[in-house]
Amino acid sequence: MRADHEIRVEIPGLRPPLVRTLIPHALESIWNSICFRPMPRWQHQLLEHALTGPCAERDVIRHLAANPFLVLPFGDCELRISWANTAEGDPA
């Protein structure tokens, strides 16, 4: 699967969905926009690794190849990543 697909990123109740091309810079940009929000240390570390780790792009692609959404805990919310060209519905 090619890594230049567009992804849909949203934090329900906090930010409207946005569409970005899946590249390492986009994942890092997402991290930079949320890293200062209050969250437990374990969530901070999980999100930082998931979005900026050495295999972040590959891991997101691998997860989305098998699942419609990648859902990461984010404070009392969640960060949702999905392919932009899929149905707009919420996960079950």
PDB file of N, CA and C in Angstrom:
ATOM      1  N   MET A   1       0.833  -1.172   0.000  1.00  0.00           N
ATOM      2  CA  MET A   1       0.000   0.000   0.000  1.00  0.00           C
ATOM      3  C   MET A   1       0.882   1.241   0.000  1.00  0.00           C
ATOM      4  N   ARG A   2       0.522   2.220  -0.792  1.00  0.00           N
ATOM      5  CA  ARG A   2       1.303   3.450  -0.883  1.00  0.00           C
ATOM      6  C   ARG A   2       1.073   4.328   0.337  1.00  0.00           C
ATOM      7  N   ALA A   3       2.095   5.060   0.723  1.00  0.00           N
ATOM      8  CA  ALA A   3       2.020   5.887   1.925  1.00  0.00           C
ATOM      9  C   ALA A   3       1.490   7.289   1.639  1.00  0.00           C
ATOM     10  N   ASP A   4       1.197   7.627   0.386  1.00  0.00           N
ATOM     11  CA  ASP A   4       0.763   8.993   0.088  1.00  0.00           C
ATOM     12  C   ASP A   4      -0.761   9.125   0.015  1.00  0.00           C
ATOM     13  N   HIS A   5      -1.469   8.240   0.690  1.00  0.00           N
ATOM     14  CA  HIS A   5      -2.925   8.325   0.764  1.00  0.00           C
ATOM     15  C   HIS A   5      -3.329   9.425   1.738  1.00  0.00           C
ATOM     16  N   GLU A   6      -4.528   9.927   1.552  1.00  0.00           N
ATOM     17  CA  GLU A   6      -5.026  10.939   2.465  1.00  0.00           C
ATOM     18  C   GLU A   6      -5.711  10.278   3.651  1.00  0.00           C
ATOM     19  N   ILE A   7      -5.493  10.861   4.827  1.00  0.00           N
ATOM     20  CA  ILE A   7      -6.125  10.379   6.039  1.00  0.00           C
ATOM     21  C   ILE A   7      -7.045  11.458   6.589  1.00  0.00           C
ATOM     22  N   ARG A   8      -8.038  11.015   7.325  1.00  0.00           N
ATOM     23  CA  ARG A   8      -8.970  11.909   8.008  1.00  0.00           C
ATOM     24  C   ARG A   8      -8.626  11.836   9.490  1.00  0.00           C
ATOM     25  N   VAL A   9      -8.379  12.979  10.102  1.00  0.00           N
ATOM     26  CA  VAL A   9      -8.001  13.050  11.509  1.00  0.00           C
ATOM     27  C   VAL A   9      -9.034  13.881  12.236  1.00  0.00           C
ATOM     28  N   GLU A  10      -9.507  13.379  13.377  1.00  0.00           N
ATOM     29  CA  GLU A  10     -10.461  14.159  14.158  1.00  0.00           C
ATOM     30  C   GLU A  10     -10.345  13.838  15.635  1.00  0.00           C
ATOM     31  N   ILE A  11     -10.746  14.801  16.431  1.00  0.00           N
ATOM     32  CA  ILE A  11     -10.898  14.628  17.867  1.00  0.00           C
ATOM     33  C   ILE A  11     -12.348  15.021  18.146  1.00  0.00           C
ATOM     34  N   PRO A  12     -13.250  14.026  18.191  1.00  0.00           N
ATOM     35  CA  PRO A  12     -14.673  14.331  18.351  1.00  0.00           C
ATOM     36  C   PRO A  12     -14.925  15.229  19.565  1.00  0.00           C
ATOM     37  N   GLY A  13     -15.717  16.266  19.351  1.00  0.00           N
ATOM     38  CA  GLY A  13     -16.058  17.200  20.412  1.00  0.00           C
ATOM     39  C   GLY A  13     -15.017  18.270  20.672  1.00  0.00           C
ATOM     40  N   LEU A  14     -13.851  18.173  20.049  1.00  0.00           N
ATOM     41  CA  LEU A  14     -12.792  19.141  20.281  1.00  0.00           C
ATOM     42  C   LEU A  14     -12.340  19.831  19.004  1.00  0.00           C
ATOM     43  N   ARG A  15     -12.152  19.055  17.944  1.00  0.00           N
ATOM     44  CA  ARG A  15     -11.722  19.606  16.657  1.00  0.00           C
ATOM     45  C   ARG A  15     -12.508  18.956  15.535  1.00  0.00           C
ATOM     46  N   PRO A  16     -12.854  19.735  14.524  1.00  0.00           N
ATOM     47  CA  PRO A  16     -13.534  19.130  13.371  1.00  0.00           C
ATOM     48  C   PRO A  16     -12.542  18.279  12.580  1.00  0.00           C
ATOM     49  N   PRO A  17     -13.050  17.357  11.789  1.00  0.00           N
ATOM     50  CA  PRO A  17     -12.160  16.513  10.990  1.00  0.00           C
ATOM     51  C   PRO A  17     -11.325  17.343  10.019  1.00  0.00           C
ATOM     52  N   LEU A  18     -10.112  16.891   9.778  1.00  0.00           N
ATOM     53  CA  LEU A  18      -9.279  17.494   8.755  1.00  0.00           C
ATOM     54  C   LEU A  18      -8.657  16.375   7.939  1.00  0.00           C
ATOM     55  N   VAL A  19      -8.328  16.686   6.701  1.00  0.00           N
ATOM     56  CA  VAL A  19      -7.755  15.696   5.797  1.00  0.00           C
ATOM     57  C   VAL A  19      -6.323  16.104   5.490  1.00  0.00           C
ATOM     58  N   ARG A  20      -5.432  15.138   5.600  1.00  0.00           N
ATOM     59  CA  ARG A  20      -4.009  15.367   5.314  1.00  0.00           C
ATOM     60  C   ARG A  20      -3.463  14.189   4.524  1.00  0.00           C
ATOM     61  N   THR A  21      -2.406  14.442   3.782  1.00  0.00           N
ATOM     62  CA  THR A  21      -1.706  13.348   3.118  1.00  0.00           C
ATOM     63  C   THR A  21      -0.866  12.638   4.166  1.00  0.00           C
ATOM     64  N   LEU A  22      -0.914  11.315   4.170  1.00  0.00           N
ATOM     65  CA  LEU A  22      -0.190  10.537   5.169  1.00  0.00           C
ATOM     66  C   LEU A  22       1.298  10.527   4.841  1.00  0.00           C
ATOM     67  N   ILE A  23       2.017  11.425   5.496  1.00  0.00           N
ATOM     68  CA  ILE A  23       3.475  11.506   5.420  1.00  0.00           C
ATOM     69  C   ILE A  23       3.971  11.744   6.836  1.00  0.00           C
ATOM     70  N   PRO A  24       5.236  11.441   7.126  1.00  0.00           N
ATOM     71  CA  PRO A  24       5.730  11.643   8.487  1.00  0.00           C
ATOM     72  C   PRO A  24       5.521  13.066   8.997  1.00  0.00           C
ATOM     73  N   HIS A  25       5.684  14.061   8.141  1.00  0.00           N
ATOM     74  CA  HIS A  25       5.508  15.446   8.570  1.00  0.00           C
ATOM     75  C   HIS A  25       4.075  15.701   9.043  1.00  0.00           C
ATOM     76  N   ALA A  26       3.098  15.089   8.393  1.00  0.00           N
ATOM     77  CA  ALA A  26       1.694  15.275   8.790  1.00  0.00           C
ATOM     78  C   ALA A  26       1.441  14.685  10.172  1.00  0.00           C
ATOM     79  N   LEU A  27       1.979  13.496  10.430  1.00  0.00           N
ATOM     80  CA  LEU A  27       1.806  12.885  11.745  1.00  0.00           C
ATOM     81  C   LEU A  27       2.494  13.720  12.826  1.00  0.00           C
ATOM     82  N   GLU A  28       3.673  14.216  12.527  1.00  0.00           N
ATOM     83  CA  GLU A  28       4.387  15.070  13.476  1.00  0.00           C
ATOM     84  C   GLU A  28       3.616  16.364  13.727  1.00  0.00           C
ATOM     85  N   SER A  29       3.017  16.903  12.695  1.00  0.00           N
ATOM     86  CA  SER A  29       2.214  18.117  12.827  1.00  0.00           C
ATOM     87  C   SER A  29       1.006  17.880  13.730  1.00  0.00           C
ATOM     88  N   ILE A  30       0.379  16.721  13.604  1.00  0.00           N
ATOM     89  CA  ILE A  30      -0.739  16.375  14.474  1.00  0.00           C
ATOM     90  C   ILE A  30      -0.252  16.326  15.924  1.00  0.00           C
ATOM     91  N   TRP A  31       0.869  15.669  16.147  1.00  0.00           N
ATOM     92  CA  TRP A  31       1.435  15.584  17.493  1.00  0.00           C
ATOM     93  C   TRP A  31       1.733  16.980  18.050  1.00  0.00           C
ATOM     94  N   ASN A  32       2.347  17.830  17.241  1.00  0.00           N
ATOM     95  CA  ASN A  32       2.693  19.180  17.702  1.00  0.00           C
ATOM     96  C   ASN A  32       1.462  20.003  18.059  1.00  0.00           C
ATOM     97  N   SER A  33       0.324  19.703  17.439  1.00  0.00           N
ATOM     98  CA  SER A  33      -0.889  20.466  17.732  1.00  0.00           C
ATOM     99  C   SER A  33      -1.597  19.985  18.999  1.00  0.00           C
ATOM    100  N   ILE A  34      -1.269  18.786  19.491  1.00  0.00           N
ATOM    101  CA  ILE A  34      -1.965  18.268  20.669  1.00  0.00           C
ATOM    102  C   ILE A  34      -1.054  17.993  21.857  1.00  0.00           C
ATOM    103  N   CYS A  35       0.241  18.061  21.693  1.00  0.00           N
ATOM    104  CA  CYS A  35       1.159  17.617  22.750  1.00  0.00           C
ATOM    105  C   CYS A  35       1.093  18.445  24.028  1.00  0.00           C
ATOM    106  N   PHE A  36       0.579  19.648  23.973  1.00  0.00           N
ATOM    107  CA  PHE A  36       0.516  20.485  25.166  1.00  0.00           C
ATOM    108  C   PHE A  36      -0.830  20.413  25.880  1.00  0.00           C
ATOM    109  N   ARG A  37      -1.747  19.635  25.348  1.00  0.00           N
ATOM    110  CA  ARG A  37      -3.046  19.460  25.994  1.00  0.00           C
ATOM    111  C   ARG A  37      -2.878  18.579  27.235  1.00  0.00           C
ATOM    112  N   PRO A  38      -3.699  18.810  28.266  1.00  0.00           N
ATOM    113  CA  PRO A  38      -3.582  17.975  29.471  1.00  0.00           C
ATOM    114  C   PRO A  38      -3.963  16.526  29.183  1.00  0.00           C
ATOM    115  N   MET A  39      -3.108  15.608  29.636  1.00  0.00           N
ATOM    116  CA  MET A  39      -3.356  14.182  29.512  1.00  0.00           C
ATOM    117  C   MET A  39      -2.404  13.455  30.450  1.00  0.00           C
ATOM    118  N   PRO A  40      -2.760  12.249  30.860  1.00  0.00           N
ATOM    119  CA  PRO A  40      -1.843  11.474  31.697  1.00  0.00           C
ATOM    120  C   PRO A  40      -0.535  11.202  30.957  1.00  0.00           C
ATOM    121  N   ARG A  41       0.506  11.011  31.729  1.00  0.00           N
ATOM    122  CA  ARG A  41       1.841  10.779  31.158  1.00  0.00           C
ATOM    123  C   ARG A  41       1.854   9.592  30.194  1.00  0.00           C
ATOM    124  N   TRP A  42       1.163   8.497  30.562  1.00  0.00           N
ATOM    125  CA  TRP A  42       1.173   7.313  29.704  1.00  0.00           C
ATOM    126  C   TRP A  42       0.523   7.609  28.349  1.00  0.00           C
ATOM    127  N   GLN A  43      -0.536   8.447  28.340  1.00  0.00           N
ATOM    128  CA  GLN A  43      -1.162   8.818  27.072  1.00  0.00           C
ATOM    129  C   GLN A  43      -0.229   9.709  26.258  1.00  0.00           C
ATOM    130  N   HIS A  44       0.432  10.613  26.920  1.00  0.00           N
ATOM    131  CA  HIS A  44       1.397  11.493  26.247  1.00  0.00           C
ATOM    132  C   HIS A  44       2.461  10.652  25.541  1.00  0.00           C
ATOM    133  N   GLN A  45       3.011   9.696  26.261  1.00  0.00           N
ATOM    134  CA  GLN A  45       4.059   8.842  25.685  1.00  0.00           C
ATOM    135  C   GLN A  45       3.525   7.973  24.555  1.00  0.00           C
ATOM    136  N   LEU A  46       2.317   7.429  24.734  1.00  0.00           N
ATOM    137  CA  LEU A  46       1.715   6.592  23.698  1.00  0.00           C
ATOM    138  C   LEU A  46       1.480   7.396  22.421  1.00  0.00           C
ATOM    139  N   LEU A  47       0.881   8.580  22.559  1.00  0.00           N
ATOM    140  CA  LEU A  47       0.614   9.414  21.391  1.00  0.00           C
ATOM    141  C   LEU A  47       1.908   9.880  20.722  1.00  0.00           C
ATOM    142  N   GLU A  48       2.875  10.284  21.525  1.00  0.00           N
ATOM    143  CA  GLU A  48       4.144  10.733  20.948  1.00  0.00           C
ATOM    144  C   GLU A  48       4.783   9.622  20.125  1.00  0.00           C
ATOM    145  N   HIS A  49       4.807   8.416  20.667  1.00  0.00           N
ATOM    146  CA  HIS A  49       5.402   7.296  19.929  1.00  0.00           C
ATOM    147  C   HIS A  49       4.577   6.947  18.687  1.00  0.00           C
ATOM    148  N   ALA A  50       3.247   6.935  18.833  1.00  0.00           N
ATOM    149  CA  ALA A  50       2.377   6.568  17.711  1.00  0.00           C
ATOM    150  C   ALA A  50       2.464   7.563  16.558  1.00  0.00           C
ATOM    151  N   LEU A  51       2.719   8.837  16.868  1.00  0.00           N
ATOM    152  CA  LEU A  51       2.713   9.870  15.829  1.00  0.00           C
ATOM    153  C   LEU A  51       4.097  10.333  15.394  1.00  0.00           C
ATOM    154  N   THR A  52       5.122  10.087  16.192  1.00  0.00           N
ATOM    155  CA  THR A  52       6.464  10.565  15.812  1.00  0.00           C
ATOM    156  C   THR A  52       7.525   9.488  15.875  1.00  0.00           C
ATOM    157  N   GLY A  53       7.170   8.281  16.286  1.00  0.00           N
ATOM    158  CA  GLY A  53       8.142   7.201  16.381  1.00  0.00           C
ATOM    159  C   GLY A  53       8.746   6.874  15.022  1.00  0.00           C
ATOM    160  N   PRO A  54       9.834   6.109  15.025  1.00  0.00           N
ATOM    161  CA  PRO A  54      10.537   5.813  13.770  1.00  0.00           C
ATOM    162  C   PRO A  54       9.701   5.047  12.749  1.00  0.00           C
ATOM    163  N   CYS A  55       8.676   4.354  13.194  1.00  0.00           N
ATOM    164  CA  CYS A  55       7.826   3.570  12.286  1.00  0.00           C
ATOM    165  C   CYS A  55       6.381   4.065  12.296  1.00  0.00           C
ATOM    166  N   ALA A  56       6.156   5.304  12.710  1.00  0.00           N
ATOM    167  CA  ALA A  56       4.794   5.816  12.877  1.00  0.00           C
ATOM    168  C   ALA A  56       3.969   5.711  11.600  1.00  0.00           C
ATOM    169  N   GLU A  57       4.519   6.168  10.503  1.00  0.00           N
ATOM    170  CA  GLU A  57       3.787   6.144   9.228  1.00  0.00           C
ATOM    171  C   GLU A  57       3.434   4.712   8.837  1.00  0.00           C
ATOM    172  N   ARG A  58       4.405   3.831   8.906  1.00  0.00           N
ATOM    173  CA  ARG A  58       4.181   2.423   8.559  1.00  0.00           C
ATOM    174  C   ARG A  58       3.156   1.785   9.486  1.00  0.00           C
ATOM    175  N   ASP A  59       3.226   2.095  10.785  1.00  0.00           N
ATOM    176  CA  ASP A  59       2.287   1.518  11.738  1.00  0.00           C
ATOM    177  C   ASP A  59       0.858   1.991  11.492  1.00  0.00           C
ATOM    178  N   VAL A  60       0.685   3.265  11.141  1.00  0.00           N
ATOM    179  CA  VAL A  60      -0.652   3.784  10.836  1.00  0.00           C
ATOM    180  C   VAL A  60      -1.192   3.089   9.587  1.00  0.00           C
ATOM    181  N   ILE A  61      -0.385   2.957   8.565  1.00  0.00           N
ATOM    182  CA  ILE A  61      -0.803   2.274   7.333  1.00  0.00           C
ATOM    183  C   ILE A  61      -1.194   0.832   7.633  1.00  0.00           C
ATOM    184  N   ARG A  62      -0.379   0.152   8.400  1.00  0.00           N
ATOM    185  CA  ARG A  62      -0.651  -1.254   8.739  1.00  0.00           C
ATOM    186  C   ARG A  62      -1.968  -1.377   9.514  1.00  0.00           C
ATOM    187  N   HIS A  63      -2.184  -0.491  10.462  1.00  0.00           N
ATOM    188  CA  HIS A  63      -3.419  -0.552  11.240  1.00  0.00           C
ATOM    189  C   HIS A  63      -4.634  -0.271  10.360  1.00  0.00           C
ATOM    190  N   LEU A  64      -4.552   0.760   9.530  1.00  0.00           N
ATOM    191  CA  LEU A  64      -5.695   1.121   8.680  1.00  0.00           C
ATOM    192  C   LEU A  64      -5.950   0.106   7.571  1.00  0.00           C
ATOM    193  N   ALA A  65      -4.961  -0.692   7.231  1.00  0.00           N
ATOM    194  CA  ALA A  65      -5.176  -1.750   6.242  1.00  0.00           C
ATOM    195  C   ALA A  65      -6.083  -2.843   6.805  1.00  0.00           C
ATOM    196  N   ALA A  66      -6.082  -2.992   8.128  1.00  0.00           N
ATOM    197  CA  ALA A  66      -6.868  -4.047   8.756  1.00  0.00           C
ATOM    198  C   ALA A  66      -8.106  -3.537   9.494  1.00  0.00           C
ATOM    199  N   ASN A  67      -8.154  -2.241   9.796  1.00  0.00           N
ATOM    200  CA  ASN A  67      -9.236  -1.673  10.602  1.00  0.00           C
ATOM    201  C   ASN A  67      -9.704  -0.359   9.982  1.00  0.00           C
ATOM    202  N   PRO A  68     -10.973  -0.034  10.134  1.00  0.00           N
ATOM    203  CA  PRO A  68     -11.461   1.222   9.541  1.00  0.00           C
ATOM    204  C   PRO A  68     -10.948   2.473  10.252  1.00  0.00           C
ATOM    205  N   PHE A  69     -10.639   2.370  11.556  1.00  0.00           N
ATOM    206  CA  PHE A  69     -10.177   3.513  12.335  1.00  0.00           C
ATOM    207  C   PHE A  69      -8.993   3.119  13.204  1.00  0.00           C
ATOM    208  N   LEU A  70      -8.125   4.077  13.440  1.00  0.00           N
ATOM    209  CA  LEU A  70      -7.111   3.974  14.483  1.00  0.00           C
ATOM    210  C   LEU A  70      -7.577   4.950  15.554  1.00  0.00           C
ATOM    211  N   VAL A  71      -7.875   4.445  16.728  1.00  0.00           N
ATOM    212  CA  VAL A  71      -8.373   5.274  17.817  1.00  0.00           C
ATOM    213  C   VAL A  71      -7.331   5.274  18.930  1.00  0.00           C
ATOM    214  N   LEU A  72      -6.860   6.474  19.278  1.00  0.00           N
ATOM    215  CA  LEU A  72      -5.858   6.631  20.330  1.00  0.00           C
ATOM    216  C   LEU A  72      -6.446   7.472  21.453  1.00  0.00           C
ATOM    217  N   PRO A  73      -6.270   7.045  22.723  1.00  0.00           N
ATOM    218  CA  PRO A  73      -6.788   7.839  23.828  1.00  0.00           C
ATOM    219  C   PRO A  73      -6.087   9.187  23.890  1.00  0.00           C
ATOM    220  N   PHE A  74      -6.884  10.221  24.213  1.00  0.00           N
ATOM    221  CA  PHE A  74      -6.348  11.575  24.245  1.00  0.00           C
ATOM    222  C   PHE A  74      -7.059  12.340  25.347  1.00  0.00           C
ATOM    223  N   GLY A  75      -6.455  12.376  26.534  1.00  0.00           N
ATOM    224  CA  GLY A  75      -7.112  13.005  27.676  1.00  0.00           C
ATOM    225  C   GLY A  75      -8.439  12.315  27.926  1.00  0.00           C
ATOM    226  N   ASP A  76      -9.540  13.070  27.978  1.00  0.00           N
ATOM    227  CA  ASP A  76     -10.858  12.463  28.132  1.00  0.00           C
ATOM    228  C   ASP A  76     -11.553  12.307  26.779  1.00  0.00           C
ATOM    229  N   CYS A  77     -10.799  12.477  25.712  1.00  0.00           N
ATOM    230  CA  CYS A  77     -11.303  12.331  24.340  1.00  0.00           C
ATOM    231  C   CYS A  77     -10.563  11.186  23.658  1.00  0.00           C
ATOM    232  N   GLU A  78     -10.654  11.179  22.352  1.00  0.00           N
ATOM    233  CA  GLU A  78      -9.888  10.226  21.555  1.00  0.00           C
ATOM    234  C   GLU A  78      -9.498  10.875  20.235  1.00  0.00           C
ATOM    235  N   LEU A  79      -8.361  10.472  19.732  1.00  0.00           N
ATOM    236  CA  LEU A  79      -7.878  10.900  18.426  1.00  0.00           C
ATOM    237  C   LEU A  79      -8.221   9.780  17.459  1.00  0.00           C
ATOM    238  N   ARG A  80      -8.961  10.107  16.396  1.00  0.00           N
ATOM    239  CA  ARG A  80      -9.372   9.108  15.404  1.00  0.00           C
ATOM    240  C   ARG A  80      -8.686   9.401  14.076  1.00  0.00           C
ATOM    241  N   ILE A  81      -8.108   8.371  13.499  1.00  0.00           N
ATOM    242  CA  ILE A  81      -7.485   8.472  12.186  1.00  0.00           C
ATOM    243  C   ILE A  81      -8.121   7.402  11.307  1.00  0.00           C
ATOM    244  N   SER A  82      -8.509   7.790  10.102  1.00  0.00           N
ATOM    245  CA  SER A  82      -9.073   6.842   9.139  1.00  0.00           C
ATOM    246  C   SER A  82      -8.654   7.272   7.738  1.00  0.00           C
ATOM    247  N   TRP A  83      -8.870   6.402   6.764  1.00  0.00           N
ATOM    248  CA  TRP A  83      -8.621   6.805   5.379  1.00  0.00           C
ATOM    249  C   TRP A  83      -9.659   7.861   5.014  1.00  0.00           C
ATOM    250  N   ALA A  84      -9.259   8.898   4.325  1.00  0.00           N
ATOM    251  CA  ALA A  84     -10.160   9.992   3.980  1.00  0.00           C
ATOM    252  C   ALA A  84     -11.220   9.569   2.978  1.00  0.00           C
ATOM    253  N   ASN A  85     -10.943   8.579   2.179  1.00  0.00           N
ATOM    254  CA  ASN A  85     -11.879   8.183   1.129  1.00  0.00           C
ATOM    255  C   ASN A  85     -12.867   7.119   1.572  1.00  0.00           C
ATOM    256  N   THR A  86     -12.934   6.830   2.877  1.00  0.00           N
ATOM    257  CA  THR A  86     -13.893   5.848   3.373  1.00  0.00           C
ATOM    258  C   THR A  86     -15.158   6.549   3.806  1.00  0.00           C
ATOM    259  N   ALA A  87     -16.168   5.782   4.162  1.00  0.00           N
ATOM    260  CA  ALA A  87     -17.440   6.352   4.620  1.00  0.00           C
ATOM    261  C   ALA A  87     -17.210   7.224   5.848  1.00  0.00           C
ATOM    262  N   GLU A  88     -18.017   8.246   5.986  1.00  0.00           N
ATOM    263  CA  GLU A  88     -17.864   9.214   7.060  1.00  0.00           C
ATOM    264  C   GLU A  88     -18.459   8.741   8.389  1.00  0.00           C
ATOM    265  N   GLY A  89     -19.010   7.558   8.460  1.00  0.00           N
ATOM    266  CA  GLY A  89     -19.680   7.114   9.678  1.00  0.00           C
ATOM    267  C   GLY A  89     -18.738   6.854  10.831  1.00  0.00           C
ATOM    268  N   ASP A  90     -19.281   6.889  12.031  1.00  0.00           N
ATOM    269  CA  ASP A  90     -18.514   6.601  13.240  1.00  0.00           C
ATOM    270  C   ASP A  90     -18.291   5.109  13.354  1.00  0.00           C
ATOM    271  N   PRO A  91     -17.199   4.708  14.057  1.00  0.00           N
ATOM    272  CA  PRO A  91     -16.982   3.277  14.256  1.00  0.00           C
ATOM    273  C   PRO A  91     -18.044   2.707  15.183  1.00  0.00           C
ATOM    274  N   ALA A  92     -18.284   1.446  15.041  1.00  0.00           N
ATOM    275  CA  ALA A  92     -19.304   0.785  15.865  1.00  0.00           C
ATOM    276  C   ALA A  92     -18.847   0.616  17.281  1.00  0.00           C
TER     277      ALA A  92
END
